[in-house]
Amino acid sequence: MKLSNIEEEILESLWIDQVEKKKAFSNLNELANVEIETSALDNLSKIGYTSIEDNKIKLLDKGKEYAQNIVRRHRLAERLLVDVLQLKKESVHNPSCQFEHILNEEVEENICILLGHPKICPHGKPIPQGKCCIQSKWLVESSIKPLSALKQNQRGKVVYLHTQDDKKLQKMMVMGVLPGREITLLHRFPSYVFQIGFTQIAVDSEIADSIYVILEKE
């Protein structure tokens, strides 16, 4: 069920208050940075996302699940704006608020994969896990490895880039190393040489450690 932007903002603020800050409930007059509308509050209560009593509002289980996804999208958007688009972290809150309302699940997962399933936002706050993060953990144990762990002439497909270094991430993207691209490790020494498309590229161990690949079935 798609909610209005104001309803989503209310849920996001409640989640931060009651899940992260461990408050039992929130006072309607103290919700930070949220425009309160009576109709929005009534609807959230009607659909079972919140309960209100004596000007105190509590986030219910259904609301927590929805709100967690909003927080996740917001913080992923912040990472995207800082890590890829090079915006300063002090200026990404407002555009991230816009992003969080328009990102669908598929786009959200693609951003998360591209950024290497980041655990924290640029401000140091945790990013709630999504389905792709849980799937990634299982795959890493079975068939996904960093490029540096591949044998010579092993092939696979880039799954994600695992780095919080902005310059390193940009360098890999400029080289065309993006999720979904086929990649072959040609040499391991004296540097790692791989082929992606028709291009052969030599990188150091730090870059090779940051490129995660799902191996081609032999």
C-alpha atoms as a PDB file:
ATOM      1  CA  MET A   1       0.000   0.000   0.000  1.00  0.00           C
ATOM      2  CA  LYS A   2       1.488   3.326  -1.101  1.00  0.00           C
ATOM      3  CA  LEU A   3       1.185   6.142   1.417  1.00  0.00           C
ATOM      4  CA  SER A   4       1.442   9.884   0.914  1.00  0.00           C
ATOM      5  CA  ASN A   5       4.790  11.622   1.391  1.00  0.00           C
ATOM      6  CA  ILE A   6       3.588  13.182   4.644  1.00  0.00           C
ATOM      7  CA  GLU A   7       2.444   9.813   5.986  1.00  0.00           C
ATOM      8  CA  GLU A   8       5.812   8.281   5.107  1.00  0.00           C
ATOM      9  CA  GLU A   9       7.649  11.166   6.789  1.00  0.00           C
ATOM     10  CA  ILE A  10       5.629  10.610   9.970  1.00  0.00           C
ATOM     11  CA  LEU A  11       6.431   6.890   9.982  1.00  0.00           C
ATOM     12  CA  GLU A  12      10.122   7.568   9.361  1.00  0.00           C
ATOM     13  CA  SER A  13      10.313   9.969  12.293  1.00  0.00           C
ATOM     14  CA  LEU A  14       8.460   7.508  14.537  1.00  0.00           C
ATOM     15  CA  TRP A  15      10.823   4.672  13.551  1.00  0.00           C
ATOM     16  CA  ILE A  16      13.875   6.749  14.431  1.00  0.00           C
ATOM     17  CA  ASP A  17      12.251   7.758  17.732  1.00  0.00           C
ATOM     18  CA  GLN A  18      10.998   4.358  18.824  1.00  0.00           C
ATOM     19  CA  VAL A  19      13.321   1.830  17.167  1.00  0.00           C
ATOM     20  CA  GLU A  20      16.673   3.624  17.110  1.00  0.00           C
ATOM     21  CA  LYS A  21      16.210   5.829  20.159  1.00  0.00           C
ATOM     22  CA  LYS A  22      14.237   3.131  22.017  1.00  0.00           C
ATOM     23  CA  LYS A  23      11.368   5.401  23.074  1.00  0.00           C
ATOM     24  CA  ALA A  24       8.184   3.634  24.107  1.00  0.00           C
ATOM     25  CA  PHE A  25       6.078   6.196  22.216  1.00  0.00           C
ATOM     26  CA  SER A  26       6.380   9.653  20.653  1.00  0.00           C
ATOM     27  CA  ASN A  27       4.729  12.914  21.593  1.00  0.00           C
ATOM     28  CA  LEU A  28       2.961  14.386  18.583  1.00  0.00           C
ATOM     29  CA  ASN A  29       4.194  17.861  19.481  1.00  0.00           C
ATOM     30  CA  GLU A  30       7.830  16.749  19.528  1.00  0.00           C
ATOM     31  CA  LEU A  31       8.209  14.874  16.236  1.00  0.00           C
ATOM     32  CA  ALA A  32      11.261  16.363  14.515  1.00  0.00           C
ATOM     33  CA  ASN A  33      11.135  17.870  11.013  1.00  0.00           C
ATOM     34  CA  VAL A  34       7.674  16.493  10.221  1.00  0.00           C
ATOM     35  CA  GLU A  35       4.609  18.322   8.958  1.00  0.00           C
ATOM     36  CA  ILE A  36       1.677  16.891  10.900  1.00  0.00           C
ATOM     37  CA  GLU A  37      -1.710  16.578   9.195  1.00  0.00           C
ATOM     38  CA  THR A  38      -4.758  15.249  11.015  1.00  0.00           C
ATOM     39  CA  SER A  39      -5.886  13.312   7.943  1.00  0.00           C
ATOM     40  CA  ALA A  40      -2.489  11.606   7.677  1.00  0.00           C
ATOM     41  CA  LEU A  41      -2.536  10.629  11.357  1.00  0.00           C
ATOM     42  CA  ASP A  42      -6.087   9.319  11.038  1.00  0.00           C
ATOM     43  CA  ASN A  43      -5.205   7.201   8.011  1.00  0.00           C
ATOM     44  CA  LEU A  44      -2.089   5.689   9.640  1.00  0.00           C
ATOM     45  CA  SER A  45      -4.177   4.717  12.636  1.00  0.00           C
ATOM     46  CA  LYS A  46      -7.013   3.394  10.457  1.00  0.00           C
ATOM     47  CA  ILE A  47      -4.744   1.022   8.486  1.00  0.00           C
ATOM     48  CA  GLY A  48      -3.104  -0.276  11.668  1.00  0.00           C
ATOM     49  CA  TYR A  49       0.318   1.341  11.349  1.00  0.00           C
ATOM     50  CA  THR A  50       0.027   3.488  14.487  1.00  0.00           C
ATOM     51  CA  SER A  51      -2.084   3.969  17.577  1.00  0.00           C
ATOM     52  CA  ILE A  52      -2.788   7.312  19.236  1.00  0.00           C
ATOM     53  CA  GLU A  53      -3.839   8.024  22.802  1.00  0.00           C
ATOM     54  CA  ASP A  54      -3.647  11.295  24.765  1.00  0.00           C
ATOM     55  CA  ASN A  55      -1.478  12.988  22.120  1.00  0.00           C
ATOM     56  CA  LYS A  56       0.980  10.084  22.253  1.00  0.00           C
ATOM     57  CA  ILE A  57       1.567   8.000  19.145  1.00  0.00           C
ATOM     58  CA  LYS A  58       2.968   4.480  19.019  1.00  0.00           C
ATOM     59  CA  LEU A  59       4.344   2.702  15.952  1.00  0.00           C
ATOM     60  CA  LEU A  60       2.784  -0.743  15.521  1.00  0.00           C
ATOM     61  CA  ASP A  61       4.447  -3.774  13.922  1.00  0.00           C
ATOM     62  CA  LYS A  62       2.989  -3.201  10.448  1.00  0.00           C
ATOM     63  CA  GLY A  63       4.090   0.413  10.612  1.00  0.00           C
ATOM     64  CA  LYS A  64       7.583  -0.536  11.757  1.00  0.00           C
ATOM     65  CA  GLU A  65       8.147  -2.717   8.704  1.00  0.00           C
ATOM     66  CA  TYR A  66       6.983   0.009   6.309  1.00  0.00           C
ATOM     67  CA  ALA A  67       8.932   2.710   8.156  1.00  0.00           C
ATOM     68  CA  GLN A  68      12.138   0.663   8.139  1.00  0.00           C
ATOM     69  CA  ASN A  69      12.008   0.530   4.345  1.00  0.00           C
ATOM     70  CA  ILE A  70      11.623   4.310   4.177  1.00  0.00           C
ATOM     71  CA  VAL A  71      14.646   4.818   6.440  1.00  0.00           C
ATOM     72  CA  ARG A  72      16.624   2.351   4.306  1.00  0.00           C
ATOM     73  CA  ARG A  73      15.784   4.185   1.069  1.00  0.00           C
ATOM     74  CA  HIS A  74      16.652   7.558   2.596  1.00  0.00           C
ATOM     75  CA  ARG A  75      20.052   6.429   3.845  1.00  0.00           C
ATOM     76  CA  LEU A  76      20.888   4.579   0.636  1.00  0.00           C
ATOM     77  CA  ALA A  77      20.044   7.768  -1.267  1.00  0.00           C
ATOM     78  CA  GLU A  78      22.432   9.694   0.985  1.00  0.00           C
ATOM     79  CA  ARG A  79      25.207   7.180   0.249  1.00  0.00           C
ATOM     80  CA  LEU A  80      24.536   7.444  -3.478  1.00  0.00           C
ATOM     81  CA  LEU A  81      24.650  11.240  -3.442  1.00  0.00           C
ATOM     82  CA  VAL A  82      27.857  11.342  -1.384  1.00  0.00           C
ATOM     83  CA  ASP A  83      29.761   8.350  -2.798  1.00  0.00           C
ATOM     84  CA  VAL A  84      28.872   8.608  -6.473  1.00  0.00           C
ATOM     85  CA  LEU A  85      27.680  12.166  -7.098  1.00  0.00           C
ATOM     86  CA  GLN A  86      30.225  13.684  -4.706  1.00  0.00           C
ATOM     87  CA  LEU A  87      27.812  15.908  -2.783  1.00  0.00           C
ATOM     88  CA  LYS A  88      28.838  17.011   0.682  1.00  0.00           C
ATOM     89  CA  LYS A  89      27.135  14.998   3.399  1.00  0.00           C
ATOM     90  CA  GLU A  90      25.818  18.185   5.012  1.00  0.00           C
ATOM     91  CA  SER A  91      23.715  18.912   1.920  1.00  0.00           C
ATOM     92  CA  VAL A  92      22.145  15.537   1.101  1.00  0.00           C
ATOM     93  CA  HIS A  93      19.278  15.334   3.607  1.00  0.00           C
ATOM     94  CA  ASN A  94      16.681  17.241   1.579  1.00  0.00           C
ATOM     95  CA  PRO A  95      17.322  15.572  -1.805  1.00  0.00           C
ATOM     96  CA  SER A  96      17.402  12.200  -0.044  1.00  0.00           C
ATOM     97  CA  CYS A  97      13.944  12.938   1.366  1.00  0.00           C
ATOM     98  CA  GLN A  98      12.728  13.296  -2.218  1.00  0.00           C
ATOM     99  CA  PHE A  99      14.496  10.095  -3.320  1.00  0.00           C
ATOM    100  CA  GLU A 100      12.994   7.991  -0.541  1.00  0.00           C
ATOM    101  CA  HIS A 101       9.457   8.590  -1.810  1.00  0.00           C
ATOM    102  CA  ILE A 102      10.132   7.635  -5.451  1.00  0.00           C
ATOM    103  CA  LEU A 103      12.552   4.693  -5.242  1.00  0.00           C
ATOM    104  CA  ASN A 104      10.876   1.384  -5.943  1.00  0.00           C
ATOM    105  CA  GLU A 105      12.202  -1.915  -4.603  1.00  0.00           C
ATOM    106  CA  GLU A 106      14.119  -2.849  -7.766  1.00  0.00           C
ATOM    107  CA  VAL A 107      15.913   0.512  -8.000  1.00  0.00           C
ATOM    108  CA  GLU A 108      16.616   0.469  -4.273  1.00  0.00           C
ATOM    109  CA  GLU A 109      18.242  -2.971  -4.533  1.00  0.00           C
ATOM    110  CA  ASN A 110      20.302  -1.959  -7.566  1.00  0.00           C
ATOM    111  CA  ILE A 111      21.635   1.072  -5.691  1.00  0.00           C
ATOM    112  CA  CYS A 112      22.454  -1.095  -2.674  1.00  0.00           C
ATOM    113  CA  ILE A 113      24.294  -3.642  -4.852  1.00  0.00           C
ATOM    114  CA  LEU A 114      26.190  -0.901  -6.681  1.00  0.00           C
ATOM    115  CA  LEU A 115      27.365   0.594  -3.390  1.00  0.00           C
ATOM    116  CA  GLY A 116      28.434  -2.776  -1.983  1.00  0.00           C
ATOM    117  CA  HIS A 117      25.616  -3.201   0.552  1.00  0.00           C
ATOM    118  CA  PRO A 118      26.753  -0.326   2.807  1.00  0.00           C
ATOM    119  CA  LYS A 119      26.069  -0.702   6.514  1.00  0.00           C
ATOM    120  CA  ILE A 120      26.051   2.970   7.503  1.00  0.00           C
ATOM    121  CA  CYS A 121      24.953   6.253   5.940  1.00  0.00           C
ATOM    122  CA  PRO A 122      27.392   9.181   5.491  1.00  0.00           C
ATOM    123  CA  HIS A 123      26.364  10.426   8.960  1.00  0.00           C
ATOM    124  CA  GLY A 124      27.272   7.147  10.635  1.00  0.00           C
ATOM    125  CA  LYS A 125      23.704   5.890  11.139  1.00  0.00           C
ATOM    126  CA  PRO A 126      22.941   2.223  10.361  1.00  0.00           C
ATOM    127  CA  ILE A 127      21.253   1.334   7.077  1.00  0.00           C
ATOM    128  CA  PRO A 128      18.597  -1.357   7.636  1.00  0.00           C
ATOM    129  CA  GLN A 129      19.289  -4.506   5.636  1.00  0.00           C
ATOM    130  CA  GLY A 130      17.223  -5.379   2.582  1.00  0.00           C
ATOM    131  CA  LYS A 131      16.547  -8.670   0.825  1.00  0.00           C
ATOM    132  CA  CYS A 132      19.563  -8.134  -1.436  1.00  0.00           C
ATOM    133  CA  CYS A 133      21.892  -7.817   1.589  1.00  0.00           C
ATOM    134  CA  ILE A 134      20.678 -11.099   3.066  1.00  0.00           C
ATOM    135  CA  GLN A 135      20.924 -12.810  -0.345  1.00  0.00           C
ATOM    136  CA  SER A 136      24.420 -11.398  -0.759  1.00  0.00           C
ATOM    137  CA  LYS A 137      25.560 -12.954   2.521  1.00  0.00           C
ATOM    138  CA  TRP A 138      24.374 -16.370   1.366  1.00  0.00           C
ATOM    139  CA  LEU A 139      25.959 -15.992  -2.056  1.00  0.00           C
ATOM    140  CA  VAL A 140      29.296 -14.830  -0.697  1.00  0.00           C
ATOM    141  CA  GLU A 141      29.528 -18.055   1.253  1.00  0.00           C
ATOM    142  CA  SER A 142      28.746 -20.158  -1.814  1.00  0.00           C
ATOM    143  CA  SER A 143      29.742 -18.658  -5.145  1.00  0.00           C
ATOM    144  CA  ILE A 144      30.648 -14.971  -4.893  1.00  0.00           C
ATOM    145  CA  LYS A 145      34.274 -14.050  -4.409  1.00  0.00           C
ATOM    146  CA  PRO A 146      36.426 -10.939  -4.732  1.00  0.00           C
ATOM    147  CA  LEU A 147      38.227 -10.722  -8.072  1.00  0.00           C
ATOM    148  CA  SER A 148      41.511 -11.233  -6.220  1.00  0.00           C
ATOM    149  CA  ALA A 149      40.384 -14.747  -5.206  1.00  0.00           C
ATOM    150  CA  LEU A 150      39.735 -15.917  -8.770  1.00  0.00           C
ATOM    151  CA  LYS A 151      42.100 -18.258 -10.554  1.00  0.00           C
ATOM    152  CA  GLN A 152      43.748 -17.279 -13.807  1.00  0.00           C
ATOM    153  CA  ASN A 153      41.251 -17.303 -16.711  1.00  0.00           C
ATOM    154  CA  GLN A 154      38.269 -17.742 -14.365  1.00  0.00           C
ATOM    155  CA  ARG A 155      35.193 -15.891 -15.521  1.00  0.00           C
ATOM    156  CA  GLY A 156      32.158 -14.515 -13.841  1.00  0.00           C
ATOM    157  CA  LYS A 157      29.792 -11.578 -13.546  1.00  0.00           C
ATOM    158  CA  VAL A 158      30.269  -8.489 -11.389  1.00  0.00           C
ATOM    159  CA  VAL A 159      27.736  -8.546  -8.548  1.00  0.00           C
ATOM    160  CA  TYR A 160      28.718  -5.533  -6.455  1.00  0.00           C
ATOM    161  CA  LEU A 161      31.542  -3.162  -5.572  1.00  0.00           C
ATOM    162  CA  HIS A 162      32.462  -3.236  -1.901  1.00  0.00           C
ATOM    163  CA  THR A 163      34.216  -0.008  -0.962  1.00  0.00           C
ATOM    164  CA  GLN A 164      33.485   3.169   0.956  1.00  0.00           C
ATOM    165  CA  ASP A 165      36.354   4.979  -0.807  1.00  0.00           C
ATOM    166  CA  ASP A 166      34.722   7.519  -3.126  1.00  0.00           C
ATOM    167  CA  LYS A 167      37.705   7.831  -5.471  1.00  0.00           C
ATOM    168  CA  LYS A 168      38.134   4.071  -5.745  1.00  0.00           C
ATOM    169  CA  LEU A 169      34.421   3.607  -6.496  1.00  0.00           C
ATOM    170  CA  GLN A 170      34.485   6.271  -9.199  1.00  0.00           C
ATOM    171  CA  LYS A 171      37.627   4.779 -10.734  1.00  0.00           C
ATOM    172  CA  MET A 172      35.988   1.362 -11.040  1.00  0.00           C
ATOM    173  CA  MET A 173      32.837   2.818 -12.549  1.00  0.00           C
ATOM    174  CA  VAL A 174      34.842   4.793 -15.120  1.00  0.00           C
ATOM    175  CA  MET A 175      36.595   1.539 -16.063  1.00  0.00           C
ATOM    176  CA  GLY A 176      33.189   0.037 -16.755  1.00  0.00           C
ATOM    177  CA  VAL A 177      33.234  -2.257 -13.744  1.00  0.00           C
ATOM    178  CA  LEU A 178      29.524  -2.310 -12.952  1.00  0.00           C
ATOM    179  CA  PRO A 179      27.105  -4.941 -11.621  1.00  0.00           C
ATOM    180  CA  GLY A 180      26.004  -7.297 -14.368  1.00  0.00           C
ATOM    181  CA  ARG A 181      29.148  -6.940 -16.523  1.00  0.00           C
ATOM    182  CA  GLU A 182      31.024 -10.112 -17.468  1.00  0.00           C
ATOM    183  CA  ILE A 183      34.622 -10.181 -16.266  1.00  0.00           C
ATOM    184  CA  THR A 184      37.598 -12.527 -16.742  1.00  0.00           C
ATOM    185  CA  LEU A 185      40.764 -12.552 -14.645  1.00  0.00           C
ATOM    186  CA  LEU A 186      43.708 -12.909 -17.049  1.00  0.00           C
ATOM    187  CA  HIS A 187      46.740 -12.542 -14.763  1.00  0.00           C
ATOM    188  CA  ARG A 188      47.404 -12.352 -11.032  1.00  0.00           C
ATOM    189  CA  PHE A 189      51.024 -11.164 -11.049  1.00  0.00           C
ATOM    190  CA  PRO A 190      52.687  -8.660 -10.922  1.00  0.00           C
ATOM    191  CA  SER A 191      49.288  -6.960 -10.943  1.00  0.00           C
ATOM    192  CA  TYR A 192      45.745  -8.172 -11.433  1.00  0.00           C
ATOM    193  CA  VAL A 193      44.780  -7.962 -15.105  1.00  0.00           C
ATOM    194  CA  PHE A 194      41.178  -8.533 -16.078  1.00  0.00           C
ATOM    195  CA  GLN A 195      39.080  -8.188 -19.185  1.00  0.00           C
ATOM    196  CA  ILE A 196      35.682  -6.561 -19.195  1.00  0.00           C
ATOM    197  CA  GLY A 197      34.024  -6.195 -22.571  1.00  0.00           C
ATOM    198  CA  PHE A 198      36.830  -5.661 -25.097  1.00  0.00           C
ATOM    199  CA  THR A 199      39.058  -3.840 -22.601  1.00  0.00           C
ATOM    200  CA  GLN A 200      41.921  -5.260 -20.547  1.00  0.00           C
ATOM    201  CA  ILE A 201      42.713  -3.426 -17.313  1.00  0.00           C
ATOM    202  CA  ALA A 202      45.494  -3.813 -14.726  1.00  0.00           C
ATOM    203  CA  VAL A 203      44.706  -2.943 -11.093  1.00  0.00           C
ATOM    204  CA  ASP A 204      46.343  -3.304  -7.696  1.00  0.00           C
ATOM    205  CA  SER A 205      45.217  -5.704  -4.976  1.00  0.00           C
ATOM    206  CA  GLU A 206      43.024  -3.088  -3.246  1.00  0.00           C
ATOM    207  CA  ILE A 207      40.896  -2.636  -6.348  1.00  0.00           C
ATOM    208  CA  ALA A 208      40.826  -6.402  -7.027  1.00  0.00           C
ATOM    209  CA  ASP A 209      39.660  -6.986  -3.443  1.00  0.00           C
ATOM    210  CA  SER A 210      36.755  -4.566  -3.954  1.00  0.00           C
ATOM    211  CA  ILE A 211      35.216  -6.189  -7.040  1.00  0.00           C
ATOM    212  CA  TYR A 212      32.896  -9.054  -6.089  1.00  0.00           C
ATOM    213  CA  VAL A 213      32.106 -11.599  -8.774  1.00  0.00           C
ATOM    214  CA  ILE A 214      29.664 -14.484  -9.042  1.00  0.00           C
ATOM    215  CA  LEU A 215      31.561 -17.290 -10.754  1.00  0.00           C
ATOM    216  CA  GLU A 216      30.472 -18.748 -14.048  1.00  0.00           C
ATOM    217  CA  LYS A 217      29.347 -22.334 -13.683  1.00  0.00           C
ATOM    218  CA  GLU A 218      31.929 -24.710 -15.070  1.00  0.00           C
END
